[in-house]
Amino acid sequence: MKLIITAELTQGYELWKNLFLSTDSKREEYGVKVLAYGHPHDNENKMYQVVEVESMERMQEALQDPVIAKLRTDAGVNLDSQEVVFLVE
């Protein structure tokens, strides 16, 4: 299953990107594969990710992992602004 995830960033894109890349092994543990990520050309306070997940259950487990949850907030992800789009394959 492929997803597009977007959220507002309170501390800018560079901090988010550095912390996002530092969690590759944690994502791998939950079967989350990153296909692409980035920000709009004129807005470094918003990020987009395209990921492929084994299942929504595994994705939910990943999002509830305390290490991942802390990294997301440390990276400035405004959790209230997060949106997920499920892509049809």
PDB file of N, CA and C in Angstrom:
ATOM      1  N   MET A   1       0.843  -1.167   0.000  1.00  0.00           N
ATOM      2  CA  MET A   1       0.000   0.000   0.000  1.00  0.00           C
ATOM      3  C   MET A   1       0.892   1.236   0.000  1.00  0.00           C
ATOM      4  N   LYS A   2       0.567   2.183  -0.897  1.00  0.00           N
ATOM      5  CA  LYS A   2       1.347   3.413  -0.979  1.00  0.00           C
ATOM      6  C   LYS A   2       0.543   4.582  -0.423  1.00  0.00           C
ATOM      7  N   LEU A   3       1.250   5.469   0.279  1.00  0.00           N
ATOM      8  CA  LEU A   3       0.632   6.612   0.938  1.00  0.00           C
ATOM      9  C   LEU A   3       1.415   7.877   0.642  1.00  0.00           C
ATOM     10  N   ILE A   4       0.693   8.991   0.578  1.00  0.00           N
ATOM     11  CA  ILE A   4       1.323  10.306   0.597  1.00  0.00           C
ATOM     12  C   ILE A   4       0.989  10.900   1.956  1.00  0.00           C
ATOM     13  N   ILE A   5       2.003  11.340   2.654  1.00  0.00           N
ATOM     14  CA  ILE A   5       1.821  11.945   3.974  1.00  0.00           C
ATOM     15  C   ILE A   5       2.344  13.371   3.888  1.00  0.00           C
ATOM     16  N   THR A   6       1.573  14.306   4.397  1.00  0.00           N
ATOM     17  CA  THR A   6       2.011  15.697   4.425  1.00  0.00           C
ATOM     18  C   THR A   6       1.727  16.276   5.805  1.00  0.00           C
ATOM     19  N   ALA A   7       2.530  17.245   6.200  1.00  0.00           N
ATOM     20  CA  ALA A   7       2.324  17.925   7.482  1.00  0.00           C
ATOM     21  C   ALA A   7       3.072  19.250   7.458  1.00  0.00           C
ATOM     22  N   GLU A   8       2.617  20.153   8.300  1.00  0.00           N
ATOM     23  CA  GLU A   8       3.314  21.421   8.515  1.00  0.00           C
ATOM     24  C   GLU A   8       4.489  21.163   9.455  1.00  0.00           C
ATOM     25  N   LEU A   9       5.560  21.913   9.253  1.00  0.00           N
ATOM     26  CA  LEU A   9       6.754  21.801  10.091  1.00  0.00           C
ATOM     27  C   LEU A   9       6.943  23.099  10.863  1.00  0.00           C
ATOM     28  N   THR A  10       7.125  22.985  12.162  1.00  0.00           N
ATOM     29  CA  THR A  10       7.277  24.175  12.997  1.00  0.00           C
ATOM     30  C   THR A  10       8.729  24.637  13.101  1.00  0.00           C
ATOM     31  N   GLN A  11       9.676  23.760  12.700  1.00  0.00           N
ATOM     32  CA  GLN A  11      11.088  24.121  12.842  1.00  0.00           C
ATOM     33  C   GLN A  11      11.852  24.020  11.518  1.00  0.00           C
ATOM     34  N   GLY A  12      11.141  24.000  10.413  1.00  0.00           N
ATOM     35  CA  GLY A  12      11.778  24.003   9.103  1.00  0.00           C
ATOM     36  C   GLY A  12      12.122  22.628   8.569  1.00  0.00           C
ATOM     37  N   TYR A  13      12.353  22.613   7.270  1.00  0.00           N
ATOM     38  CA  TYR A  13      12.566  21.373   6.533  1.00  0.00           C
ATOM     39  C   TYR A  13      13.894  20.699   6.852  1.00  0.00           C
ATOM     40  N   GLU A  14      14.980  21.438   6.986  1.00  0.00           N
ATOM     41  CA  GLU A  14      16.298  20.820   7.192  1.00  0.00           C
ATOM     42  C   GLU A  14      16.351  19.990   8.467  1.00  0.00           C
ATOM     43  N   LEU A  15      15.812  20.512   9.564  1.00  0.00           N
ATOM     44  CA  LEU A  15      15.790  19.739  10.806  1.00  0.00           C
ATOM     45  C   LEU A  15      14.957  18.481  10.615  1.00  0.00           C
ATOM     46  N   TRP A  16      13.766  18.651  10.023  1.00  0.00           N
ATOM     47  CA  TRP A  16      12.904  17.485   9.784  1.00  0.00           C
ATOM     48  C   TRP A  16      13.644  16.445   8.940  1.00  0.00           C
ATOM     49  N   LYS A  17      14.248  16.870   7.842  1.00  0.00           N
ATOM     50  CA  LYS A  17      14.929  15.948   6.925  1.00  0.00           C
ATOM     51  C   LYS A  17      16.032  15.178   7.641  1.00  0.00           C
ATOM     52  N   ASN A  18      16.853  15.865   8.428  1.00  0.00           N
ATOM     53  CA  ASN A  18      17.952  15.201   9.137  1.00  0.00           C
ATOM     54  C   ASN A  18      17.436  14.159  10.119  1.00  0.00           C
ATOM     55  N   LEU A  19      16.396  14.491  10.873  1.00  0.00           N
ATOM     56  CA  LEU A  19      15.850  13.517  11.823  1.00  0.00           C
ATOM     57  C   LEU A  19      15.101  12.405  11.091  1.00  0.00           C
ATOM     58  N   PHE A  20      14.408  12.740  10.007  1.00  0.00           N
ATOM     59  CA  PHE A  20      13.703  11.740   9.198  1.00  0.00           C
ATOM     60  C   PHE A  20      14.690  10.701   8.669  1.00  0.00           C
ATOM     61  N   LEU A  21      15.796  11.147   8.128  1.00  0.00           N
ATOM     62  CA  LEU A  21      16.784  10.222   7.577  1.00  0.00           C
ATOM     63  C   LEU A  21      17.456   9.383   8.660  1.00  0.00           C
ATOM     64  N   SER A  22      17.494   9.882   9.886  1.00  0.00           N
ATOM     65  CA  SER A  22      18.137   9.138  10.970  1.00  0.00           C
ATOM     66  C   SER A  22      17.295   7.953  11.443  1.00  0.00           C
ATOM     67  N   THR A  23      16.065   7.839  10.964  1.00  0.00           N
ATOM     68  CA  THR A  23      15.175   6.758  11.434  1.00  0.00           C
ATOM     69  C   THR A  23      14.979   5.660  10.394  1.00  0.00           C
ATOM     70  N   ASP A  24      15.876   5.574   9.419  1.00  0.00           N
ATOM     71  CA  ASP A  24      15.746   4.540   8.388  1.00  0.00           C
ATOM     72  C   ASP A  24      15.602   3.141   8.978  1.00  0.00           C
ATOM     73  N   SER A  25      16.409   2.807   9.969  1.00  0.00           N
ATOM     74  CA  SER A  25      16.364   1.450  10.538  1.00  0.00           C
ATOM     75  C   SER A  25      15.040   1.191  11.265  1.00  0.00           C
ATOM     76  N   LYS A  26      14.496   2.224  11.919  1.00  0.00           N
ATOM     77  CA  LYS A  26      13.199   2.058  12.603  1.00  0.00           C
ATOM     78  C   LYS A  26      12.089   1.825  11.579  1.00  0.00           C
ATOM     79  N   ARG A  27      12.117   2.579  10.475  1.00  0.00           N
ATOM     80  CA  ARG A  27      11.102   2.366   9.434  1.00  0.00           C
ATOM     81  C   ARG A  27      11.215   0.965   8.857  1.00  0.00           C
ATOM     82  N   GLU A  28      12.447   0.536   8.632  1.00  0.00           N
ATOM     83  CA  GLU A  28      12.680  -0.800   8.090  1.00  0.00           C
ATOM     84  C   GLU A  28      12.094  -1.869   9.014  1.00  0.00           C
ATOM     85  N   GLU A  29      12.242  -1.657  10.309  1.00  0.00           N
ATOM     86  CA  GLU A  29      11.711  -2.584  11.315  1.00  0.00           C
ATOM     87  C   GLU A  29      10.198  -2.782  11.151  1.00  0.00           C
ATOM     88  N   TYR A  30       9.505  -1.746  10.715  1.00  0.00           N
ATOM     89  CA  TYR A  30       8.050  -1.805  10.565  1.00  0.00           C
ATOM     90  C   TYR A  30       7.607  -1.998   9.110  1.00  0.00           C
ATOM     91  N   GLY A  31       8.554  -2.262   8.229  1.00  0.00           N
ATOM     92  CA  GLY A  31       8.202  -2.515   6.838  1.00  0.00           C
ATOM     93  C   GLY A  31       7.737  -1.281   6.087  1.00  0.00           C
ATOM     94  N   VAL A  32       8.270  -0.117   6.454  1.00  0.00           N
ATOM     95  CA  VAL A  32       7.922   1.138   5.785  1.00  0.00           C
ATOM     96  C   VAL A  32       9.074   1.497   4.850  1.00  0.00           C
ATOM     97  N   LYS A  33       8.773   1.587   3.563  1.00  0.00           N
ATOM     98  CA  LYS A  33       9.779   1.921   2.555  1.00  0.00           C
ATOM     99  C   LYS A  33       9.509   3.328   2.037  1.00  0.00           C
ATOM    100  N   VAL A  34      10.505   4.195   2.112  1.00  0.00           N
ATOM    101  CA  VAL A  34      10.381   5.575   1.626  1.00  0.00           C
ATOM    102  C   VAL A  34      10.640   5.582   0.122  1.00  0.00           C
ATOM    103  N   LEU A  35       9.671   6.089  -0.625  1.00  0.00           N
ATOM    104  CA  LEU A  35       9.813   6.199  -2.078  1.00  0.00           C
ATOM    105  C   LEU A  35      10.266   7.593  -2.493  1.00  0.00           C
ATOM    106  N   ALA A  36       9.827   8.616  -1.764  1.00  0.00           N
ATOM    107  CA  ALA A  36      10.205   9.999  -2.070  1.00  0.00           C
ATOM    108  C   ALA A  36       9.833  10.884  -0.892  1.00  0.00           C
ATOM    109  N   TYR A  37      10.480  12.046  -0.813  1.00  0.00           N
ATOM    110  CA  TYR A  37      10.127  13.048   0.195  1.00  0.00           C
ATOM    111  C   TYR A  37      10.602  14.406  -0.303  1.00  0.00           C
ATOM    112  N   GLY A  38      10.015  15.457   0.254  1.00  0.00           N
ATOM    113  CA  GLY A  38      10.423  16.789  -0.153  1.00  0.00           C
ATOM    114  C   GLY A  38       9.499  17.849   0.407  1.00  0.00           C
ATOM    115  N   HIS A  39       9.632  19.068  -0.130  1.00  0.00           N
ATOM    116  CA  HIS A  39       8.798  20.188   0.300  1.00  0.00           C
ATOM    117  C   HIS A  39       8.446  21.014  -0.928  1.00  0.00           C
ATOM    118  N   PRO A  40       7.378  21.811  -0.847  1.00  0.00           N
ATOM    119  CA  PRO A  40       7.063  22.697  -1.964  1.00  0.00           C
ATOM    120  C   PRO A  40       8.215  23.668  -2.190  1.00  0.00           C
ATOM    121  N   HIS A  41       8.419  24.039  -3.429  1.00  0.00           N
ATOM    122  CA  HIS A  41       9.527  24.929  -3.803  1.00  0.00           C
ATOM    123  C   HIS A  41       9.559  26.205  -2.958  1.00  0.00           C
ATOM    124  N   ASP A  42       8.393  26.747  -2.662  1.00  0.00           N
ATOM    125  CA  ASP A  42       8.326  28.033  -1.965  1.00  0.00           C
ATOM    126  C   ASP A  42       7.930  27.930  -0.489  1.00  0.00           C
ATOM    127  N   ASN A  43       7.985  26.704   0.078  1.00  0.00           N
ATOM    128  CA  ASN A  43       7.541  26.535   1.467  1.00  0.00           C
ATOM    129  C   ASN A  43       8.341  25.431   2.150  1.00  0.00           C
ATOM    130  N   GLU A  44       9.346  25.810   2.916  1.00  0.00           N
ATOM    131  CA  GLU A  44      10.143  24.828   3.646  1.00  0.00           C
ATOM    132  C   GLU A  44       9.536  24.487   5.011  1.00  0.00           C
ATOM    133  N   ASN A  45       8.309  24.923   5.246  1.00  0.00           N
ATOM    134  CA  ASN A  45       7.614  24.587   6.485  1.00  0.00           C
ATOM    135  C   ASN A  45       6.504  23.578   6.243  1.00  0.00           C
ATOM    136  N   LYS A  46       6.592  22.855   5.125  1.00  0.00           N
ATOM    137  CA  LYS A  46       5.644  21.794   4.823  1.00  0.00           C
ATOM    138  C   LYS A  46       6.437  20.662   4.178  1.00  0.00           C
ATOM    139  N   MET A  47       6.144  19.444   4.577  1.00  0.00           N
ATOM    140  CA  MET A  47       6.846  18.307   3.989  1.00  0.00           C
ATOM    141  C   MET A  47       5.844  17.344   3.383  1.00  0.00           C
ATOM    142  N   TYR A  48       6.351  16.595   2.417  1.00  0.00           N
ATOM    143  CA  TYR A  48       5.600  15.510   1.789  1.00  0.00           C
ATOM    144  C   TYR A  48       6.472  14.268   1.815  1.00  0.00           C
ATOM    145  N   GLN A  49       5.835  13.121   2.045  1.00  0.00           N
ATOM    146  CA  GLN A  49       6.510  11.833   1.962  1.00  0.00           C
ATOM    147  C   GLN A  49       5.641  10.908   1.125  1.00  0.00           C
ATOM    148  N   VAL A  50       6.268  10.083   0.320  1.00  0.00           N
ATOM    149  CA  VAL A  50       5.566   8.994  -0.347  1.00  0.00           C
ATOM    150  C   VAL A  50       6.205   7.726   0.195  1.00  0.00           C
ATOM    151  N   VAL A  51       5.389   6.895   0.821  1.00  0.00           N
ATOM    152  CA  VAL A  51       5.906   5.675   1.433  1.00  0.00           C
ATOM    153  C   VAL A  51       5.083   4.488   0.984  1.00  0.00           C
ATOM    154  N   GLU A  52       5.711   3.329   1.078  1.00  0.00           N
ATOM    155  CA  GLU A  52       5.026   2.068   0.823  1.00  0.00           C
ATOM    156  C   GLU A  52       5.077   1.276   2.116  1.00  0.00           C
ATOM    157  N   VAL A  53       3.924   0.756   2.538  1.00  0.00           N
ATOM    158  CA  VAL A  53       3.845   0.021   3.800  1.00  0.00           C
ATOM    159  C   VAL A  53       3.299  -1.380   3.548  1.00  0.00           C
ATOM    160  N   GLU A  54       3.732  -2.314   4.395  1.00  0.00           N
ATOM    161  CA  GLU A  54       3.240  -3.687   4.293  1.00  0.00           C
ATOM    162  C   GLU A  54       1.743  -3.736   4.567  1.00  0.00           C
ATOM    163  N   SER A  55       1.322  -2.988   5.594  1.00  0.00           N
ATOM    164  CA  SER A  55      -0.091  -2.951   5.976  1.00  0.00           C
ATOM    165  C   SER A  55      -0.328  -1.726   6.853  1.00  0.00           C
ATOM    166  N   MET A  56      -1.560  -1.319   6.948  1.00  0.00           N
ATOM    167  CA  MET A  56      -1.891  -0.185   7.822  1.00  0.00           C
ATOM    168  C   MET A  56      -1.661  -0.537   9.284  1.00  0.00           C
ATOM    169  N   GLU A  57      -1.830  -1.795   9.631  1.00  0.00           N
ATOM    170  CA  GLU A  57      -1.587  -2.213  11.014  1.00  0.00           C
ATOM    171  C   GLU A  57      -0.134  -1.968  11.396  1.00  0.00           C
ATOM    172  N   ARG A  58       0.800  -2.336  10.487  1.00  0.00           N
ATOM    173  CA  ARG A  58       2.218  -2.115  10.760  1.00  0.00           C
ATOM    174  C   ARG A  58       2.532  -0.619  10.801  1.00  0.00           C
ATOM    175  N   MET A  59       1.882   0.161   9.948  1.00  0.00           N
ATOM    176  CA  MET A  59       2.091   1.612   9.947  1.00  0.00           C
ATOM    177  C   MET A  59       1.617   2.212  11.267  1.00  0.00           C
ATOM    178  N   GLN A  60       0.477   1.761  11.759  1.00  0.00           N
ATOM    179  CA  GLN A  60      -0.036   2.246  13.041  1.00  0.00           C
ATOM    180  C   GLN A  60       0.921   1.886  14.172  1.00  0.00           C
ATOM    181  N   GLU A  61       1.465   0.670  14.127  1.00  0.00           N
ATOM    182  CA  GLU A  61       2.448   0.270  15.138  1.00  0.00           C
ATOM    183  C   GLU A  61       3.654   1.211  15.105  1.00  0.00           C
ATOM    184  N   ALA A  62       4.124   1.530  13.909  1.00  0.00           N
ATOM    185  CA  ALA A  62       5.277   2.425  13.772  1.00  0.00           C
ATOM    186  C   ALA A  62       4.969   3.791  14.364  1.00  0.00           C
ATOM    187  N   LEU A  63       3.788   4.323  14.067  1.00  0.00           N
ATOM    188  CA  LEU A  63       3.423   5.652  14.564  1.00  0.00           C
ATOM    189  C   LEU A  63       3.260   5.678  16.079  1.00  0.00           C
ATOM    190  N   GLN A  64       2.998   4.517  16.679  1.00  0.00           N
ATOM    191  CA  GLN A  64       2.846   4.452  18.134  1.00  0.00           C
ATOM    192  C   GLN A  64       4.156   4.127  18.851  1.00  0.00           C
ATOM    193  N   ASP A  65       5.191   3.808  18.096  1.00  0.00           N
ATOM    194  CA  ASP A  65       6.501   3.536  18.685  1.00  0.00           C
ATOM    195  C   ASP A  65       6.995   4.808  19.365  1.00  0.00           C
ATOM    196  N   PRO A  66       7.329   4.756  20.659  1.00  0.00           N
ATOM    197  CA  PRO A  66       7.741   5.964  21.383  1.00  0.00           C
ATOM    198  C   PRO A  66       8.975   6.645  20.786  1.00  0.00           C
ATOM    199  N   VAL A  67       9.905   5.889  20.239  1.00  0.00           N
ATOM    200  CA  VAL A  67      11.106   6.477  19.636  1.00  0.00           C
ATOM    201  C   VAL A  67      10.707   7.288  18.397  1.00  0.00           C
ATOM    202  N   ILE A  68       9.877   6.711  17.557  1.00  0.00           N
ATOM    203  CA  ILE A  68       9.436   7.408  16.346  1.00  0.00           C
ATOM    204  C   ILE A  68       8.575   8.610  16.711  1.00  0.00           C
ATOM    205  N   ALA A  69       7.682   8.448  17.670  1.00  0.00           N
ATOM    206  CA  ALA A  69       6.811   9.555  18.092  1.00  0.00           C
ATOM    207  C   ALA A  69       7.647  10.735  18.591  1.00  0.00           C
ATOM    208  N   LYS A  70       8.674  10.447  19.399  1.00  0.00           N
ATOM    209  CA  LYS A  70       9.519  11.529  19.926  1.00  0.00           C
ATOM    210  C   LYS A  70      10.302  12.205  18.796  1.00  0.00           C
ATOM    211  N   LEU A  71      10.833  11.427  17.880  1.00  0.00           N
ATOM    212  CA  LEU A  71      11.582  12.007  16.766  1.00  0.00           C
ATOM    213  C   LEU A  71      10.689  12.901  15.914  1.00  0.00           C
ATOM    214  N   ARG A  72       9.440  12.501  15.713  1.00  0.00           N
ATOM    215  CA  ARG A  72       8.531  13.322  14.913  1.00  0.00           C
ATOM    216  C   ARG A  72       8.284  14.667  15.581  1.00  0.00           C
ATOM    217  N   THR A  73       8.063  14.663  16.879  1.00  0.00           N
ATOM    218  CA  THR A  73       7.829  15.939  17.561  1.00  0.00           C
ATOM    219  C   THR A  73       9.132  16.741  17.659  1.00  0.00           C
ATOM    220  N   ASP A  74      10.266  16.064  17.890  1.00  0.00           N
ATOM    221  CA  ASP A  74      11.560  16.759  17.915  1.00  0.00           C
ATOM    222  C   ASP A  74      11.865  17.403  16.563  1.00  0.00           C
ATOM    223  N   ALA A  75      11.382  16.781  15.492  1.00  0.00           N
ATOM    224  CA  ALA A  75      11.620  17.289  14.135  1.00  0.00           C
ATOM    225  C   ALA A  75      10.666  18.420  13.767  1.00  0.00           C
ATOM    226  N   GLY A  76       9.759  18.763  14.681  1.00  0.00           N
ATOM    227  CA  GLY A  76       8.861  19.884  14.441  1.00  0.00           C
ATOM    228  C   GLY A  76       7.628  19.557  13.626  1.00  0.00           C
ATOM    229  N   VAL A  77       7.248  18.281  13.567  1.00  0.00           N
ATOM    230  CA  VAL A  77       6.038  17.910  12.831  1.00  0.00           C
ATOM    231  C   VAL A  77       4.815  18.349  13.631  1.00  0.00           C
ATOM    232  N   ASN A  78       3.979  19.173  13.026  1.00  0.00           N
ATOM    233  CA  ASN A  78       2.714  19.578  13.631  1.00  0.00           C
ATOM    234  C   ASN A  78       1.732  18.443  13.367  1.00  0.00           C
ATOM    235  N   LEU A  79       1.553  17.575  14.357  1.00  0.00           N
ATOM    236  CA  LEU A  79       0.737  16.377  14.183  1.00  0.00           C
ATOM    237  C   LEU A  79      -0.714  16.694  13.833  1.00  0.00           C
ATOM    238  N   ASP A  80      -1.219  17.838  14.300  1.00  0.00           N
ATOM    239  CA  ASP A  80      -2.598  18.226  13.990  1.00  0.00           C
ATOM    240  C   ASP A  80      -2.791  18.559  12.512  1.00  0.00           C
ATOM    241  N   SER A  81      -1.713  18.897  11.825  1.00  0.00           N
ATOM    242  CA  SER A  81      -1.816  19.278  10.411  1.00  0.00           C
ATOM    243  C   SER A  81      -1.594  18.094   9.467  1.00  0.00           C
ATOM    244  N   GLN A  82      -1.261  16.946  10.018  1.00  0.00           N
ATOM    245  CA  GLN A  82      -0.909  15.795   9.181  1.00  0.00           C
ATOM    246  C   GLN A  82      -2.101  15.297   8.371  1.00  0.00           C
ATOM    247  N   GLU A  83      -1.839  15.001   7.110  1.00  0.00           N
ATOM    248  CA  GLU A  83      -2.840  14.410   6.221  1.00  0.00           C
ATOM    249  C   GLU A  83      -2.229  13.195   5.552  1.00  0.00           C
ATOM    250  N   VAL A  84      -3.048  12.163   5.339  1.00  0.00           N
ATOM    251  CA  VAL A  84      -2.608  10.938   4.680  1.00  0.00           C
ATOM    252  C   VAL A  84      -3.532  10.679   3.507  1.00  0.00           C
ATOM    253  N   VAL A  85      -2.929  10.421   2.343  1.00  0.00           N
ATOM    254  CA  VAL A  85      -3.687  10.089   1.137  1.00  0.00           C
ATOM    255  C   VAL A  85      -3.308   8.662   0.757  1.00  0.00           C
ATOM    256  N   PHE A  86      -4.307   7.804   0.612  1.00  0.00           N
ATOM    257  CA  PHE A  86      -4.088   6.419   0.211  1.00  0.00           C
ATOM    258  C   PHE A  86      -4.119   6.353  -1.311  1.00  0.00           C
ATOM    259  N   LEU A  87      -3.065   5.836  -1.909  1.00  0.00           N
ATOM    260  CA  LEU A  87      -2.978   5.763  -3.359  1.00  0.00           C
ATOM    261  C   LEU A  87      -3.529   4.432  -3.860  1.00  0.00           C
ATOM    262  N   VAL A  88      -4.268   4.488  -4.939  1.00  0.00           N
ATOM    263  CA  VAL A  88      -4.826   3.293  -5.563  1.00  0.00           C
ATOM    264  C   VAL A  88      -3.757   2.684  -6.448  1.00  0.00           C
ATOM    265  N   GLU A  89      -3.580   1.402  -6.326  1.00  0.00           N
ATOM    266  CA  GLU A  89      -2.566   0.733  -7.146  1.00  0.00           C
ATOM    267  C   GLU A  89      -3.200   0.020  -8.303  1.00  0.00           C
TER     268      GLU A  89
END
